[in-house]
């Protein structure tokens, strides 16, 4: 399984055409779920039972880098990646690997794949 997954990770990088952002979002979410597991970044500090007394913002406190919350409104790419990963929550790493491999095989058919690597 791991060899097939690793091959799929390499294959998706060399598709002849670039898939849409929606498809790439699925690829990203499955990859993160397969390699890390459930999203390990909380939605808000209150979800962790913390308060921000005396702190201007989580960003100013350096807590975003520590994984305290979903990326902010202006971080469109980061937010999209987080949402894609969060959408795969509950899949086991093995299930995510299988889904990732299947998705990449479908993308190779739809978007083209070089015959010779």
PDB file of N, CA and C in Angstrom:
ATOM      1  N   UNK A   1       0.825  -1.195   0.000  1.00  0.00           N
ATOM      2  CA  UNK A   1       0.000   0.000   0.000  1.00  0.00           C
ATOM      3  C   UNK A   1       0.867   1.256   0.000  1.00  0.00           C
ATOM      4  N   UNK A   2       1.870   1.293   0.856  1.00  0.00           N
ATOM      5  CA  UNK A   2       2.707   2.484   0.948  1.00  0.00           C
ATOM      6  C   UNK A   2       3.418   2.780  -0.364  1.00  0.00           C
ATOM      7  N   UNK A   3       3.890   1.731  -1.068  1.00  0.00           N
ATOM      8  CA  UNK A   3       4.564   1.957  -2.352  1.00  0.00           C
ATOM      9  C   UNK A   3       3.601   2.544  -3.372  1.00  0.00           C
ATOM     10  N   UNK A   4       2.388   2.021  -3.417  1.00  0.00           N
ATOM     11  CA  UNK A   4       1.381   2.544  -4.348  1.00  0.00           C
ATOM     12  C   UNK A   4       1.036   3.989  -4.014  1.00  0.00           C
ATOM     13  N   UNK A   5       0.950   4.289  -2.730  1.00  0.00           N
ATOM     14  CA  UNK A   5       0.653   5.655  -2.299  1.00  0.00           C
ATOM     15  C   UNK A   5       1.787   6.595  -2.695  1.00  0.00           C
ATOM     16  N   UNK A   6       3.013   6.181  -2.399  1.00  0.00           N
ATOM     17  CA  UNK A   6       4.182   7.010  -2.744  1.00  0.00           C
ATOM     18  C   UNK A   6       4.242   7.249  -4.260  1.00  0.00           C
ATOM     19  N   UNK A   7       3.915   6.229  -5.040  1.00  0.00           N
ATOM     20  CA  UNK A   7       3.915   6.378  -6.494  1.00  0.00           C
ATOM     21  C   UNK A   7       2.829   7.359  -6.930  1.00  0.00           C
ATOM     22  N   UNK A   8       1.653   7.266  -6.307  1.00  0.00           N
ATOM     23  CA  UNK A   8       0.560   8.187  -6.634  1.00  0.00           C
ATOM     24  C   UNK A   8       0.941   9.625  -6.306  1.00  0.00           C
ATOM     25  N   UNK A   9       1.654   9.815  -5.195  1.00  0.00           N
ATOM     26  CA  UNK A   9       2.115  11.152  -4.811  1.00  0.00           C
ATOM     27  C   UNK A   9       3.017  11.719  -5.903  1.00  0.00           C
ATOM     28  N   UNK A  10       3.887  10.905  -6.450  1.00  0.00           N
ATOM     29  CA  UNK A  10       4.778  11.360  -7.529  1.00  0.00           C
ATOM     30  C   UNK A  10       4.006  11.555  -8.830  1.00  0.00           C
ATOM     31  N   UNK A  11       3.084  10.641  -9.134  1.00  0.00           N
ATOM     32  CA  UNK A  11       2.330  10.698 -10.388  1.00  0.00           C
ATOM     33  C   UNK A  11       1.489  11.965 -10.498  1.00  0.00           C
ATOM     34  N   UNK A  12       0.870  12.376  -9.400  1.00  0.00           N
ATOM     35  CA  UNK A  12      -0.018  13.540  -9.466  1.00  0.00           C
ATOM     36  C   UNK A  12       0.759  14.819  -9.788  1.00  0.00           C
ATOM     37  N   UNK A  13       2.047  14.812  -9.537  1.00  0.00           N
ATOM     38  CA  UNK A  13       2.881  15.997  -9.805  1.00  0.00           C
ATOM     39  C   UNK A  13       3.182  16.191 -11.289  1.00  0.00           C
ATOM     40  N   UNK A  14       2.978  15.160 -12.105  1.00  0.00           N
ATOM     41  CA  UNK A  14       3.373  15.252 -13.515  1.00  0.00           C
ATOM     42  C   UNK A  14       2.204  15.041 -14.480  1.00  0.00           C
ATOM     43  N   UNK A  15       0.995  15.318 -14.040  1.00  0.00           N
ATOM     44  CA  UNK A  15      -0.150  15.241 -14.943  1.00  0.00           C
ATOM     45  C   UNK A  15       0.062  16.213 -16.097  1.00  0.00           C
ATOM     46  N   UNK A  16      -0.425  15.857 -17.275  1.00  0.00           N
ATOM     47  CA  UNK A  16      -0.234  16.713 -18.450  1.00  0.00           C
ATOM     48  C   UNK A  16      -1.014  18.022 -18.343  1.00  0.00           C
ATOM     49  N   UNK A  17      -2.164  17.993 -17.673  1.00  0.00           N
ATOM     50  CA  UNK A  17      -2.960  19.199 -17.466  1.00  0.00           C
ATOM     51  C   UNK A  17      -3.192  19.380 -15.979  1.00  0.00           C
ATOM     52  N   UNK A  18      -3.326  20.629 -15.574  1.00  0.00           N
ATOM     53  CA  UNK A  18      -3.558  20.923 -14.152  1.00  0.00           C
ATOM     54  C   UNK A  18      -5.046  20.809 -13.842  1.00  0.00           C
ATOM     55  N   UNK A  19      -5.400  19.998 -12.830  1.00  0.00           N
ATOM     56  CA  UNK A  19      -6.803  19.909 -12.414  1.00  0.00           C
ATOM     57  C   UNK A  19      -7.285  21.214 -11.786  1.00  0.00           C
ATOM     58  N   UNK A  20      -8.586  21.337 -11.628  1.00  0.00           N
ATOM     59  CA  UNK A  20      -9.168  22.530 -10.998  1.00  0.00           C
ATOM     60  C   UNK A  20      -8.775  22.588  -9.527  1.00  0.00           C
ATOM     61  N   UNK A  21      -8.969  23.763  -8.937  1.00  0.00           N
ATOM     62  CA  UNK A  21      -8.653  23.917  -7.519  1.00  0.00           C
ATOM     63  C   UNK A  21      -9.497  22.996  -6.646  1.00  0.00           C
ATOM     64  N   UNK A  22     -10.731  22.751  -7.054  1.00  0.00           N
ATOM     65  CA  UNK A  22     -11.583  21.843  -6.295  1.00  0.00           C
ATOM     66  C   UNK A  22     -11.015  20.436  -6.245  1.00  0.00           C
ATOM     67  N   UNK A  23     -10.524  19.974  -7.384  1.00  0.00           N
ATOM     68  CA  UNK A  23      -9.918  18.643  -7.446  1.00  0.00           C
ATOM     69  C   UNK A  23      -8.618  18.624  -6.657  1.00  0.00           C
ATOM     70  N   UNK A  24      -7.804  19.665  -6.825  1.00  0.00           N
ATOM     71  CA  UNK A  24      -6.546  19.742  -6.071  1.00  0.00           C
ATOM     72  C   UNK A  24      -6.809  19.792  -4.573  1.00  0.00           C
ATOM     73  N   UNK A  25      -7.915  20.394  -4.193  1.00  0.00           N
ATOM     74  CA  UNK A  25      -8.299  20.450  -2.792  1.00  0.00           C
ATOM     75  C   UNK A  25      -8.569  19.037  -2.262  1.00  0.00           C
ATOM     76  N   UNK A  26      -9.260  18.229  -3.050  1.00  0.00           N
ATOM     77  CA  UNK A  26      -9.490  16.832  -2.657  1.00  0.00           C
ATOM     78  C   UNK A  26      -8.185  16.069  -2.535  1.00  0.00           C
ATOM     79  N   UNK A  27      -7.284  16.289  -3.487  1.00  0.00           N
ATOM     80  CA  UNK A  27      -5.972  15.633  -3.446  1.00  0.00           C
ATOM     81  C   UNK A  27      -5.248  16.007  -2.156  1.00  0.00           C
ATOM     82  N   UNK A  28      -5.239  17.298  -1.834  1.00  0.00           N
ATOM     83  CA  UNK A  28      -4.556  17.777  -0.639  1.00  0.00           C
ATOM     84  C   UNK A  28      -5.172  17.181   0.625  1.00  0.00           C
ATOM     85  N   UNK A  29      -6.505  17.245   0.720  1.00  0.00           N
ATOM     86  CA  UNK A  29      -7.183  16.738   1.908  1.00  0.00           C
ATOM     87  C   UNK A  29      -6.905  15.265   2.148  1.00  0.00           C
ATOM     88  N   UNK A  30      -6.949  14.478   1.085  1.00  0.00           N
ATOM     89  CA  UNK A  30      -6.662  13.046   1.222  1.00  0.00           C
ATOM     90  C   UNK A  30      -5.202  12.801   1.581  1.00  0.00           C
ATOM     91  N   UNK A  31      -4.298  13.580   0.996  1.00  0.00           N
ATOM     92  CA  UNK A  31      -2.874  13.421   1.309  1.00  0.00           C
ATOM     93  C   UNK A  31      -2.616  13.687   2.792  1.00  0.00           C
ATOM     94  N   UNK A  32      -3.154  14.803   3.294  1.00  0.00           N
ATOM     95  CA  UNK A  32      -2.943  15.141   4.705  1.00  0.00           C
ATOM     96  C   UNK A  32      -3.578  14.097   5.625  1.00  0.00           C
ATOM     97  N   UNK A  33      -4.766  13.630   5.266  1.00  0.00           N
ATOM     98  CA  UNK A  33      -5.431  12.633   6.091  1.00  0.00           C
ATOM     99  C   UNK A  33      -4.638  11.326   6.089  1.00  0.00           C
ATOM    100  N   UNK A  34      -4.068  10.971   4.937  1.00  0.00           N
ATOM    101  CA  UNK A  34      -3.293   9.729   4.825  1.00  0.00           C
ATOM    102  C   UNK A  34      -1.956   9.818   5.550  1.00  0.00           C
ATOM    103  N   UNK A  35      -1.362  10.986   5.590  1.00  0.00           N
ATOM    104  CA  UNK A  35      -0.024  11.109   6.174  1.00  0.00           C
ATOM    105  C   UNK A  35      -0.028  11.585   7.620  1.00  0.00           C
ATOM    106  N   UNK A  36      -1.066  12.347   8.029  1.00  0.00           N
ATOM    107  CA  UNK A  36      -1.103  12.905   9.379  1.00  0.00           C
ATOM    108  C   UNK A  36      -2.258  12.339  10.192  1.00  0.00           C
ATOM    109  N   UNK A  37      -3.388  12.112   9.539  1.00  0.00           N
ATOM    110  CA  UNK A  37      -4.603  11.715  10.249  1.00  0.00           C
ATOM    111  C   UNK A  37      -5.525  12.911  10.364  1.00  0.00           C
ATOM    112  N   UNK A  38      -6.465  12.842  11.304  1.00  0.00           N
ATOM    113  CA  UNK A  38      -7.430  13.930  11.453  1.00  0.00           C
ATOM    114  C   UNK A  38      -6.733  15.265  11.653  1.00  0.00           C
ATOM    115  N   UNK A  39      -7.375  16.311  11.126  1.00  0.00           N
ATOM    116  CA  UNK A  39      -6.832  17.660  11.234  1.00  0.00           C
ATOM    117  C   UNK A  39      -6.441  17.924  12.685  1.00  0.00           C
ATOM    118  N   UNK A  40      -5.236  18.433  12.868  1.00  0.00           N
ATOM    119  CA  UNK A  40      -4.729  18.630  14.228  1.00  0.00           C
ATOM    120  C   UNK A  40      -4.639  20.110  14.597  1.00  0.00           C
ATOM    121  N   UNK A  41      -5.476  20.911  13.941  1.00  0.00           N
ATOM    122  CA  UNK A  41      -5.526  22.344  14.198  1.00  0.00           C
ATOM    123  C   UNK A  41      -6.964  22.669  14.579  1.00  0.00           C
ATOM    124  N   UNK A  42      -7.166  23.265  15.736  1.00  0.00           N
ATOM    125  CA  UNK A  42      -8.513  23.570  16.202  1.00  0.00           C
ATOM    126  C   UNK A  42      -9.156  24.708  15.444  1.00  0.00           C
ATOM    127  N   UNK A  43     -10.483  24.798  15.536  1.00  0.00           N
ATOM    128  CA  UNK A  43     -11.197  25.865  14.846  1.00  0.00           C
ATOM    129  C   UNK A  43     -11.074  27.202  15.546  1.00  0.00           C
ATOM    130  N   UNK A  44     -10.961  27.179  16.843  1.00  0.00           N
ATOM    131  CA  UNK A  44     -10.840  28.450  17.558  1.00  0.00           C
ATOM    132  C   UNK A  44     -10.216  28.188  18.919  1.00  0.00           C
ATOM    133  N   UNK A  45      -9.626  29.205  19.499  1.00  0.00           N
ATOM    134  CA  UNK A  45      -9.052  29.022  20.826  1.00  0.00           C
ATOM    135  C   UNK A  45     -10.095  28.636  21.854  1.00  0.00           C
ATOM    136  N   UNK A  46     -11.338  29.092  21.698  1.00  0.00           N
ATOM    137  CA  UNK A  46     -12.367  28.753  22.677  1.00  0.00           C
ATOM    138  C   UNK A  46     -12.659  27.261  22.661  1.00  0.00           C
ATOM    139  N   UNK A  47     -12.453  26.632  21.512  1.00  0.00           N
ATOM    140  CA  UNK A  47     -12.659  25.187  21.427  1.00  0.00           C
ATOM    141  C   UNK A  47     -11.657  24.454  22.309  1.00  0.00           C
ATOM    142  N   UNK A  48     -10.511  25.063  22.525  1.00  0.00           N
ATOM    143  CA  UNK A  48      -9.487  24.458  23.374  1.00  0.00           C
ATOM    144  C   UNK A  48      -9.645  24.888  24.830  1.00  0.00           C
ATOM    145  N   UNK A  49     -10.665  25.709  25.123  1.00  0.00           N
ATOM    146  CA  UNK A  49     -10.903  26.157  26.484  1.00  0.00           C
ATOM    147  C   UNK A  49     -10.007  27.314  26.901  1.00  0.00           C
ATOM    148  N   UNK A  50      -9.396  27.989  25.944  1.00  0.00           N
ATOM    149  CA  UNK A  50      -8.495  29.093  26.261  1.00  0.00           C
ATOM    150  C   UNK A  50      -9.204  30.421  26.070  1.00  0.00           C
ATOM    151  N   UNK A  51      -8.708  31.435  26.738  1.00  0.00           N
ATOM    152  CA  UNK A  51      -9.189  32.790  26.511  1.00  0.00           C
ATOM    153  C   UNK A  51      -7.996  33.642  26.100  1.00  0.00           C
ATOM    154  N   UNK A  52      -8.293  34.809  25.550  1.00  0.00           N
ATOM    155  CA  UNK A  52      -7.227  35.678  25.019  1.00  0.00           C
ATOM    156  C   UNK A  52      -7.027  36.907  25.888  1.00  0.00           C
ATOM    157  N   UNK A  53      -7.258  36.827  27.169  1.00  0.00           N
ATOM    158  CA  UNK A  53      -7.112  37.955  28.070  1.00  0.00           C
ATOM    159  C   UNK A  53      -5.721  38.559  27.951  1.00  0.00           C
ATOM    160  N   UNK A  54      -5.682  39.844  27.630  1.00  0.00           N
ATOM    161  CA  UNK A  54      -4.409  40.548  27.567  1.00  0.00           C
ATOM    162  C   UNK A  54      -3.615  40.314  26.293  1.00  0.00           C
ATOM    163  N   UNK A  55      -4.171  39.553  25.345  1.00  0.00           N
ATOM    164  CA  UNK A  55      -3.458  39.293  24.091  1.00  0.00           C
ATOM    165  C   UNK A  55      -4.247  39.970  22.972  1.00  0.00           C
ATOM    166  N   UNK A  56      -3.553  40.768  22.160  1.00  0.00           N
ATOM    167  CA  UNK A  56      -4.233  41.484  21.075  1.00  0.00           C
ATOM    168  C   UNK A  56      -4.921  40.524  20.121  1.00  0.00           C
ATOM    169  N   UNK A  57      -4.234  39.499  19.693  1.00  0.00           N
ATOM    170  CA  UNK A  57      -4.808  38.531  18.756  1.00  0.00           C
ATOM    171  C   UNK A  57      -3.976  37.260  18.803  1.00  0.00           C
ATOM    172  N   UNK A  58      -4.542  36.157  18.352  1.00  0.00           N
ATOM    173  CA  UNK A  58      -3.764  34.918  18.302  1.00  0.00           C
ATOM    174  C   UNK A  58      -2.538  35.051  17.402  1.00  0.00           C
ATOM    175  N   UNK A  59      -2.699  35.795  16.296  1.00  0.00           N
ATOM    176  CA  UNK A  59      -1.572  35.966  15.372  1.00  0.00           C
ATOM    177  C   UNK A  59      -0.439  36.726  16.048  1.00  0.00           C
ATOM    178  N   UNK A  60      -0.794  37.790  16.769  1.00  0.00           N
ATOM    179  CA  UNK A  60       0.226  38.582  17.461  1.00  0.00           C
ATOM    180  C   UNK A  60       0.924  37.756  18.526  1.00  0.00           C
ATOM    181  N   UNK A  61       0.202  36.829  19.112  1.00  0.00           N
ATOM    182  CA  UNK A  61       0.794  35.988  20.158  1.00  0.00           C
ATOM    183  C   UNK A  61       1.607  34.838  19.571  1.00  0.00           C
ATOM    184  N   UNK A  62       1.599  34.705  18.256  1.00  0.00           N
ATOM    185  CA  UNK A  62       2.352  33.620  17.627  1.00  0.00           C
ATOM    186  C   UNK A  62       1.679  32.269  17.753  1.00  0.00           C
ATOM    187  N   UNK A  63       0.394  32.257  18.085  1.00  0.00           N
ATOM    188  CA  UNK A  63      -0.287  30.991  18.326  1.00  0.00           C
ATOM    189  C   UNK A  63      -0.765  30.324  17.052  1.00  0.00           C
ATOM    190  N   UNK A  64      -0.914  31.069  15.967  1.00  0.00           N
ATOM    191  CA  UNK A  64      -1.320  30.424  14.725  1.00  0.00           C
ATOM    192  C   UNK A  64      -0.257  29.446  14.263  1.00  0.00           C
ATOM    193  N   UNK A  65       0.999  29.820  14.422  1.00  0.00           N
ATOM    194  CA  UNK A  65       2.069  28.917  14.043  1.00  0.00           C
ATOM    195  C   UNK A  65       2.065  27.680  14.941  1.00  0.00           C
ATOM    196  N   UNK A  66       1.558  27.824  16.142  1.00  0.00           N
ATOM    197  CA  UNK A  66       1.507  26.697  17.067  1.00  0.00           C
ATOM    198  C   UNK A  66       0.290  25.813  16.798  1.00  0.00           C
ATOM    199  N   UNK A  67      -0.539  26.185  15.814  1.00  0.00           N
ATOM    200  CA  UNK A  67      -1.664  25.353  15.442  1.00  0.00           C
ATOM    201  C   UNK A  67      -2.930  25.571  16.244  1.00  0.00           C
ATOM    202  N   UNK A  68      -3.212  26.813  16.637  1.00  0.00           N
ATOM    203  CA  UNK A  68      -4.373  27.064  17.470  1.00  0.00           C
ATOM    204  C   UNK A  68      -5.675  27.174  16.709  1.00  0.00           C
ATOM    205  N   UNK A  69      -5.668  27.651  15.475  1.00  0.00           N
ATOM    206  CA  UNK A  69      -6.950  27.849  14.814  1.00  0.00           C
ATOM    207  C   UNK A  69      -6.834  27.756  13.306  1.00  0.00           C
ATOM    208  N   UNK A  70      -7.993  27.701  12.688  1.00  0.00           N
ATOM    209  CA  UNK A  70      -8.121  27.691  11.240  1.00  0.00           C
ATOM    210  C   UNK A  70      -7.519  28.980  10.697  1.00  0.00           C
ATOM    211  N   UNK A  71      -6.866  28.918   9.544  1.00  0.00           N
ATOM    212  CA  UNK A  71      -6.298  30.143   8.958  1.00  0.00           C
ATOM    213  C   UNK A  71      -7.366  31.219   8.789  1.00  0.00           C
ATOM    214  N   UNK A  72      -6.940  32.457   8.888  1.00  0.00           N
ATOM    215  CA  UNK A  72      -7.849  33.583   8.849  1.00  0.00           C
ATOM    216  C   UNK A  72      -8.487  33.829   7.492  1.00  0.00           C
ATOM    217  N   UNK A  73      -9.431  34.747   7.488  1.00  0.00           N
ATOM    218  CA  UNK A  73     -10.226  35.071   6.305  1.00  0.00           C
ATOM    219  C   UNK A  73      -9.368  35.479   5.109  1.00  0.00           C
ATOM    220  N   UNK A  74      -8.284  36.185   5.353  1.00  0.00           N
ATOM    221  CA  UNK A  74      -7.464  36.686   4.249  1.00  0.00           C
ATOM    222  C   UNK A  74      -6.450  35.660   3.751  1.00  0.00           C
ATOM    223  N   UNK A  75      -6.299  34.569   4.443  1.00  0.00           N
ATOM    224  CA  UNK A  75      -5.414  33.485   4.002  1.00  0.00           C
ATOM    225  C   UNK A  75      -6.258  32.477   3.232  1.00  0.00           C
ATOM    226  N   UNK A  76      -6.630  32.846   2.021  1.00  0.00           N
ATOM    227  CA  UNK A  76      -7.560  32.052   1.217  1.00  0.00           C
ATOM    228  C   UNK A  76      -7.002  30.657   0.932  1.00  0.00           C
ATOM    229  N   UNK A  77      -5.739  30.577   0.538  1.00  0.00           N
ATOM    230  CA  UNK A  77      -5.147  29.275   0.226  1.00  0.00           C
ATOM    231  C   UNK A  77      -5.061  28.404   1.479  1.00  0.00           C
ATOM    232  N   UNK A  78      -4.596  28.976   2.575  1.00  0.00           N
ATOM    233  CA  UNK A  78      -4.484  28.219   3.818  1.00  0.00           C
ATOM    234  C   UNK A  78      -5.830  27.737   4.324  1.00  0.00           C
ATOM    235  N   UNK A  79      -6.820  28.590   4.181  1.00  0.00           N
ATOM    236  CA  UNK A  79      -8.173  28.239   4.602  1.00  0.00           C
ATOM    237  C   UNK A  79      -8.742  27.112   3.751  1.00  0.00           C
ATOM    238  N   UNK A  80      -8.495  27.187   2.442  1.00  0.00           N
ATOM    239  CA  UNK A  80      -8.976  26.134   1.544  1.00  0.00           C
ATOM    240  C   UNK A  80      -8.330  24.793   1.848  1.00  0.00           C
ATOM    241  N   UNK A  81      -7.036  24.828   2.128  1.00  0.00           N
ATOM    242  CA  UNK A  81      -6.335  23.588   2.474  1.00  0.00           C
ATOM    243  C   UNK A  81      -6.863  23.018   3.786  1.00  0.00           C
ATOM    244  N   UNK A  82      -7.042  23.896   4.777  1.00  0.00           N
ATOM    245  CA  UNK A  82      -7.552  23.447   6.073  1.00  0.00           C
ATOM    246  C   UNK A  82      -8.932  22.816   5.914  1.00  0.00           C
ATOM    247  N   UNK A  83      -9.808  23.487   5.153  1.00  0.00           N
ATOM    248  CA  UNK A  83     -11.167  22.980   4.939  1.00  0.00           C
ATOM    249  C   UNK A  83     -11.146  21.629   4.225  1.00  0.00           C
ATOM    250  N   UNK A  84     -10.256  21.485   3.240  1.00  0.00           N
ATOM    251  CA  UNK A  84     -10.154  20.221   2.503  1.00  0.00           C
ATOM    252  C   UNK A  84      -9.716  19.089   3.422  1.00  0.00           C
ATOM    253  N   UNK A  85      -8.765  19.370   4.280  1.00  0.00           N
ATOM    254  CA  UNK A  85      -8.274  18.367   5.224  1.00  0.00           C
ATOM    255  C   UNK A  85      -9.354  18.037   6.256  1.00  0.00           C
ATOM    256  N   UNK A  86      -9.982  19.064   6.790  1.00  0.00           N
ATOM    257  CA  UNK A  86     -11.040  18.873   7.790  1.00  0.00           C
ATOM    258  C   UNK A  86     -12.185  18.046   7.203  1.00  0.00           C
ATOM    259  N   UNK A  87     -12.438  18.213   5.898  1.00  0.00           N
ATOM    260  CA  UNK A  87     -13.496  17.461   5.230  1.00  0.00           C
ATOM    261  C   UNK A  87     -13.233  15.967   5.170  1.00  0.00           C
ATOM    262  N   UNK A  88     -12.016  15.560   5.368  1.00  0.00           N
ATOM    263  CA  UNK A  88     -11.665  14.133   5.340  1.00  0.00           C
ATOM    264  C   UNK A  88     -11.593  13.538   6.739  1.00  0.00           C
ATOM    265  N   UNK A  89     -11.911  14.346   7.744  1.00  0.00           N
ATOM    266  CA  UNK A  89     -11.841  13.899   9.133  1.00  0.00           C
ATOM    267  C   UNK A  89     -12.668  12.625   9.317  1.00  0.00           C
ATOM    268  N   UNK A  90     -12.101  11.688  10.045  1.00  0.00           N
ATOM    269  CA  UNK A  90     -12.793  10.435  10.321  1.00  0.00           C
ATOM    270  C   UNK A  90     -12.311   9.271   9.473  1.00  0.00           C
ATOM    271  N   UNK A  91     -11.728   9.571   8.300  1.00  0.00           N
ATOM    272  CA  UNK A  91     -11.148   8.499   7.490  1.00  0.00           C
ATOM    273  C   UNK A  91      -9.884   8.001   8.178  1.00  0.00           C
ATOM    274  N   UNK A  92      -9.677   6.710   8.183  1.00  0.00           N
ATOM    275  CA  UNK A  92      -8.414   6.197   8.704  1.00  0.00           C
ATOM    276  C   UNK A  92      -7.313   6.541   7.707  1.00  0.00           C
ATOM    277  N   UNK A  93      -6.085   6.463   8.137  1.00  0.00           N
ATOM    278  CA  UNK A  93      -4.967   6.734   7.232  1.00  0.00           C
ATOM    279  C   UNK A  93      -5.007   5.776   6.049  1.00  0.00           C
ATOM    280  N   UNK A  94      -5.340   4.516   6.303  1.00  0.00           N
ATOM    281  CA  UNK A  94      -5.396   3.515   5.234  1.00  0.00           C
ATOM    282  C   UNK A  94      -6.515   3.823   4.243  1.00  0.00           C
ATOM    283  N   UNK A  95      -7.692   4.195   4.750  1.00  0.00           N
ATOM    284  CA  UNK A  95      -8.804   4.560   3.876  1.00  0.00           C
ATOM    285  C   UNK A  95      -8.448   5.772   3.021  1.00  0.00           C
ATOM    286  N   UNK A  96      -7.791   6.740   3.631  1.00  0.00           N
ATOM    287  CA  UNK A  96      -7.386   7.943   2.894  1.00  0.00           C
ATOM    288  C   UNK A  96      -6.356   7.591   1.817  1.00  0.00           C
ATOM    289  N   UNK A  97      -5.428   6.685   2.123  1.00  0.00           N
ATOM    290  CA  UNK A  97      -4.438   6.266   1.117  1.00  0.00           C
ATOM    291  C   UNK A  97      -5.120   5.618  -0.084  1.00  0.00           C
ATOM    292  N   UNK A  98      -6.062   4.716   0.187  1.00  0.00           N
ATOM    293  CA  UNK A  98      -6.786   4.042  -0.894  1.00  0.00           C
ATOM    294  C   UNK A  98      -7.549   5.062  -1.733  1.00  0.00           C
ATOM    295  N   UNK A  99      -8.241   5.988  -1.074  1.00  0.00           N
ATOM    296  CA  UNK A  99      -9.000   7.016  -1.797  1.00  0.00           C
ATOM    297  C   UNK A  99      -8.066   7.913  -2.610  1.00  0.00           C
ATOM    298  N   UNK A 100      -6.905   8.235  -2.060  1.00  0.00           N
ATOM    299  CA  UNK A 100      -5.921   9.067  -2.760  1.00  0.00           C
ATOM    300  C   UNK A 100      -5.429   8.348  -4.015  1.00  0.00           C
ATOM    301  N   UNK A 101      -5.064   7.088  -3.872  1.00  0.00           N
ATOM    302  CA  UNK A 101      -4.572   6.306  -5.016  1.00  0.00           C
ATOM    303  C   UNK A 101      -5.645   6.227  -6.091  1.00  0.00           C
ATOM    304  N   UNK A 102      -6.889   5.936  -5.701  1.00  0.00           N
ATOM    305  CA  UNK A 102      -7.993   5.863  -6.663  1.00  0.00           C
ATOM    306  C   UNK A 102      -8.211   7.194  -7.365  1.00  0.00           C
ATOM    307  N   UNK A 103      -8.156   8.292  -6.603  1.00  0.00           N
ATOM    308  CA  UNK A 103      -8.343   9.616  -7.191  1.00  0.00           C
ATOM    309  C   UNK A 103      -7.238   9.926  -8.192  1.00  0.00           C
ATOM    310  N   UNK A 104      -5.996   9.637  -7.851  1.00  0.00           N
ATOM    311  CA  UNK A 104      -4.879   9.915  -8.762  1.00  0.00           C
ATOM    312  C   UNK A 104      -4.996   9.067 -10.027  1.00  0.00           C
ATOM    313  N   UNK A 105      -5.409   7.821  -9.902  1.00  0.00           N
ATOM    314  CA  UNK A 105      -5.608   6.981 -11.100  1.00  0.00           C
ATOM    315  C   UNK A 105      -6.667   7.596 -12.007  1.00  0.00           C
ATOM    316  N   UNK A 106      -7.746   8.098 -11.413  1.00  0.00           N
ATOM    317  CA  UNK A 106      -8.791   8.766 -12.188  1.00  0.00           C
ATOM    318  C   UNK A 106      -8.248  10.035 -12.851  1.00  0.00           C
ATOM    319  N   UNK A 107      -7.451  10.799 -12.128  1.00  0.00           N
ATOM    320  CA  UNK A 107      -6.887  12.036 -12.673  1.00  0.00           C
ATOM    321  C   UNK A 107      -5.927  11.742 -13.820  1.00  0.00           C
ATOM    322  N   UNK A 108      -5.191  10.665 -13.725  1.00  0.00           N
ATOM    323  CA  UNK A 108      -4.270  10.293 -14.808  1.00  0.00           C
ATOM    324  C   UNK A 108      -5.047  10.017 -16.093  1.00  0.00           C
ATOM    325  N   UNK A 109      -6.207   9.406 -15.970  1.00  0.00           N
ATOM    326  CA  UNK A 109      -7.047   9.144 -17.141  1.00  0.00           C
ATOM    327  C   UNK A 109      -7.660  10.436 -17.673  1.00  0.00           C
ATOM    328  N   UNK A 110      -8.129  11.292 -16.776  1.00  0.00           N
ATOM    329  CA  UNK A 110      -8.831  12.516 -17.169  1.00  0.00           C
ATOM    330  C   UNK A 110      -7.907  13.614 -17.674  1.00  0.00           C
ATOM    331  N   UNK A 111      -6.723  13.754 -17.071  1.00  0.00           N
ATOM    332  CA  UNK A 111      -5.849  14.883 -17.372  1.00  0.00           C
ATOM    333  C   UNK A 111      -4.586  14.494 -18.114  1.00  0.00           C
ATOM    334  N   UNK A 112      -4.404  13.224 -18.377  1.00  0.00           N
ATOM    335  CA  UNK A 112      -3.233  12.781 -19.110  1.00  0.00           C
ATOM    336  C   UNK A 112      -2.047  12.545 -18.208  1.00  0.00           C
ATOM    337  N   UNK A 113      -1.234  11.595 -18.611  1.00  0.00           N
ATOM    338  CA  UNK A 113      -0.063  11.215 -17.842  1.00  0.00           C
ATOM    339  C   UNK A 113       1.038  10.842 -18.824  1.00  0.00           C
ATOM    340  N   UNK A 114       2.255  11.314 -18.614  1.00  0.00           N
ATOM    341  CA  UNK A 114       3.353  11.001 -19.529  1.00  0.00           C
ATOM    342  C   UNK A 114       3.568   9.486 -19.629  1.00  0.00           C
ATOM    343  N   UNK A 115       3.804   9.021 -20.849  1.00  0.00           N
ATOM    344  CA  UNK A 115       4.058   7.593 -21.055  1.00  0.00           C
ATOM    345  C   UNK A 115       5.410   7.167 -20.521  1.00  0.00           C
ATOM    346  N   UNK A 116       6.376   8.049 -20.656  1.00  0.00           N
ATOM    347  CA  UNK A 116       7.735   7.726 -20.220  1.00  0.00           C
ATOM    348  C   UNK A 116       8.117   8.703 -19.118  1.00  0.00           C
ATOM    349  N   UNK A 117       8.580   8.179 -18.014  1.00  0.00           N
ATOM    350  CA  UNK A 117       9.016   9.017 -16.890  1.00  0.00           C
ATOM    351  C   UNK A 117      10.512   9.159 -16.911  1.00  0.00           C
TER     352      UNK A 117
END
